[in-house]
Amino acid sequence: MIKYNNIIKYPIITEKASFLREKFNKYSLYVSVDANKYKIKLAIESLFSVKVSPINIVRVKPKRRRFRGVVGY
């Protein structure tokens, strides 16, 4: 059994996400790295009892930073 609570972590609460939610009824969520579109769709439909239209996924690569001579992300 898949635990859907582990797939969806928390919502993105920014000004841009609020604009998308109000104007276009689109929600922004942080999800698990190993989740695909199908797993995300099942998790949202089972947890919130809604019908999900197409899902868009963006994977943002971390930026490389240097702090006091130590390279990190």
C-alpha atoms as a PDB file:
ATOM      1  CA  MET A   1       0.000   0.000   0.000  1.00  0.00           C
ATOM      2  CA  ILE A   2       1.332   3.410  -0.961  1.00  0.00           C
ATOM      3  CA  LYS A   3       1.316   6.043   1.773  1.00  0.00           C
ATOM      4  CA  TYR A   4       0.104   9.158   0.017  1.00  0.00           C
ATOM      5  CA  ASN A   5       1.130  11.386   2.924  1.00  0.00           C
ATOM      6  CA  ASN A   6       4.774  10.661   2.083  1.00  0.00           C
ATOM      7  CA  ILE A   7       4.387  11.753  -1.553  1.00  0.00           C
ATOM      8  CA  ILE A   8       2.944  15.217  -0.901  1.00  0.00           C
ATOM      9  CA  LYS A   9       5.134  17.170   1.514  1.00  0.00           C
ATOM     10  CA  TYR A  10       3.644  20.667   1.837  1.00  0.00           C
ATOM     11  CA  PRO A  11       2.188  23.496  -0.264  1.00  0.00           C
ATOM     12  CA  ILE A  12       4.269  26.288  -1.756  1.00  0.00           C
ATOM     13  CA  ILE A  13       3.155  29.560  -0.190  1.00  0.00           C
ATOM     14  CA  THR A  14       4.488  32.423  -2.270  1.00  0.00           C
ATOM     15  CA  GLU A  15       3.001  35.424  -4.011  1.00  0.00           C
ATOM     16  CA  LYS A  16       3.258  33.726  -7.402  1.00  0.00           C
ATOM     17  CA  ALA A  17       1.600  30.529  -6.116  1.00  0.00           C
ATOM     18  CA  SER A  18      -1.242  32.593  -4.616  1.00  0.00           C
ATOM     19  CA  PHE A  19      -1.749  34.351  -7.955  1.00  0.00           C
ATOM     20  CA  LEU A  20      -1.902  31.021  -9.830  1.00  0.00           C
ATOM     21  CA  ARG A  21      -4.382  29.624  -7.328  1.00  0.00           C
ATOM     22  CA  GLU A  22      -6.704  32.645  -7.542  1.00  0.00           C
ATOM     23  CA  LYS A  23      -6.629  33.254 -11.305  1.00  0.00           C
ATOM     24  CA  PHE A  24      -6.153  29.798 -12.818  1.00  0.00           C
ATOM     25  CA  ASN A  25      -7.138  27.406 -10.000  1.00  0.00           C
ATOM     26  CA  LYS A  26      -3.639  25.846 -10.041  1.00  0.00           C
ATOM     27  CA  TYR A  27      -2.010  24.592  -6.858  1.00  0.00           C
ATOM     28  CA  SER A  28       1.721  24.382  -6.171  1.00  0.00           C
ATOM     29  CA  LEU A  29       3.062  21.609  -3.947  1.00  0.00           C
ATOM     30  CA  TYR A  30       6.402  20.249  -2.850  1.00  0.00           C
ATOM     31  CA  VAL A  31       6.437  16.511  -3.539  1.00  0.00           C
ATOM     32  CA  SER A  32       8.821  13.638  -3.015  1.00  0.00           C
ATOM     33  CA  VAL A  33      11.749  13.435  -5.430  1.00  0.00           C
ATOM     34  CA  ASP A  34      10.960   9.869  -6.523  1.00  0.00           C
ATOM     35  CA  ALA A  35       7.271  10.615  -7.278  1.00  0.00           C
ATOM     36  CA  ASN A  36       6.057  10.680 -10.856  1.00  0.00           C
ATOM     37  CA  LYS A  37       2.936  12.278 -12.349  1.00  0.00           C
ATOM     38  CA  TYR A  38       0.819   9.165 -11.858  1.00  0.00           C
ATOM     39  CA  LYS A  39       1.714   8.814  -8.161  1.00  0.00           C
ATOM     40  CA  ILE A  40       1.123  12.516  -7.531  1.00  0.00           C
ATOM     41  CA  LYS A  41      -2.275  12.350  -9.227  1.00  0.00           C
ATOM     42  CA  LEU A  42      -3.343   9.334  -7.159  1.00  0.00           C
ATOM     43  CA  ALA A  43      -2.177  10.981  -3.938  1.00  0.00           C
ATOM     44  CA  ILE A  44      -4.044  14.241  -4.576  1.00  0.00           C
ATOM     45  CA  GLU A  45      -7.234  12.493  -5.659  1.00  0.00           C
ATOM     46  CA  SER A  46      -7.273  10.179  -2.639  1.00  0.00           C
ATOM     47  CA  LEU A  47      -6.303  12.762   0.003  1.00  0.00           C
ATOM     48  CA  PHE A  48      -8.473  15.670  -1.139  1.00  0.00           C
ATOM     49  CA  SER A  49     -11.327  13.843  -2.970  1.00  0.00           C
ATOM     50  CA  VAL A  50     -11.017  15.906  -6.142  1.00  0.00           C
ATOM     51  CA  LYS A  51     -10.644  15.221  -9.858  1.00  0.00           C
ATOM     52  CA  VAL A  52      -7.180  16.210 -11.115  1.00  0.00           C
ATOM     53  CA  SER A  53      -6.620  17.677 -14.557  1.00  0.00           C
ATOM     54  CA  PRO A  54      -3.136  17.466 -16.171  1.00  0.00           C
ATOM     55  CA  ILE A  55      -0.137  17.834 -13.882  1.00  0.00           C
ATOM     56  CA  ASN A  56       3.018  19.861 -14.554  1.00  0.00           C
ATOM     57  CA  ILE A  57       6.249  18.913 -12.799  1.00  0.00           C
ATOM     58  CA  VAL A  58       9.374  21.069 -12.469  1.00  0.00           C
ATOM     59  CA  ARG A  59      12.603  19.739 -11.010  1.00  0.00           C
ATOM     60  CA  VAL A  60      14.850  22.592  -9.955  1.00  0.00           C
ATOM     61  CA  LYS A  61      18.523  21.740  -9.700  1.00  0.00           C
ATOM     62  CA  PRO A  62      20.282  23.273  -6.686  1.00  0.00           C
ATOM     63  CA  LYS A  63      22.692  26.126  -7.265  1.00  0.00           C
ATOM     64  CA  ARG A  64      26.342  25.629  -6.429  1.00  0.00           C
ATOM     65  CA  ARG A  65      27.538  27.994  -3.694  1.00  0.00           C
ATOM     66  CA  ARG A  66      30.851  28.680  -1.993  1.00  0.00           C
ATOM     67  CA  PHE A  67      30.945  29.778   1.650  1.00  0.00           C
ATOM     68  CA  ARG A  68      34.265  30.322   3.417  1.00  0.00           C
ATOM     69  CA  GLY A  69      36.106  28.191   0.881  1.00  0.00           C
ATOM     70  CA  VAL A  70      33.693  25.250   1.153  1.00  0.00           C
ATOM     71  CA  VAL A  71      31.687  24.356  -1.933  1.00  0.00           C
ATOM     72  CA  GLY A  72      28.110  23.220  -1.356  1.00  0.00           C
ATOM     73  CA  TYR A  73      24.605  23.342  -2.716  1.00  0.00           C
END
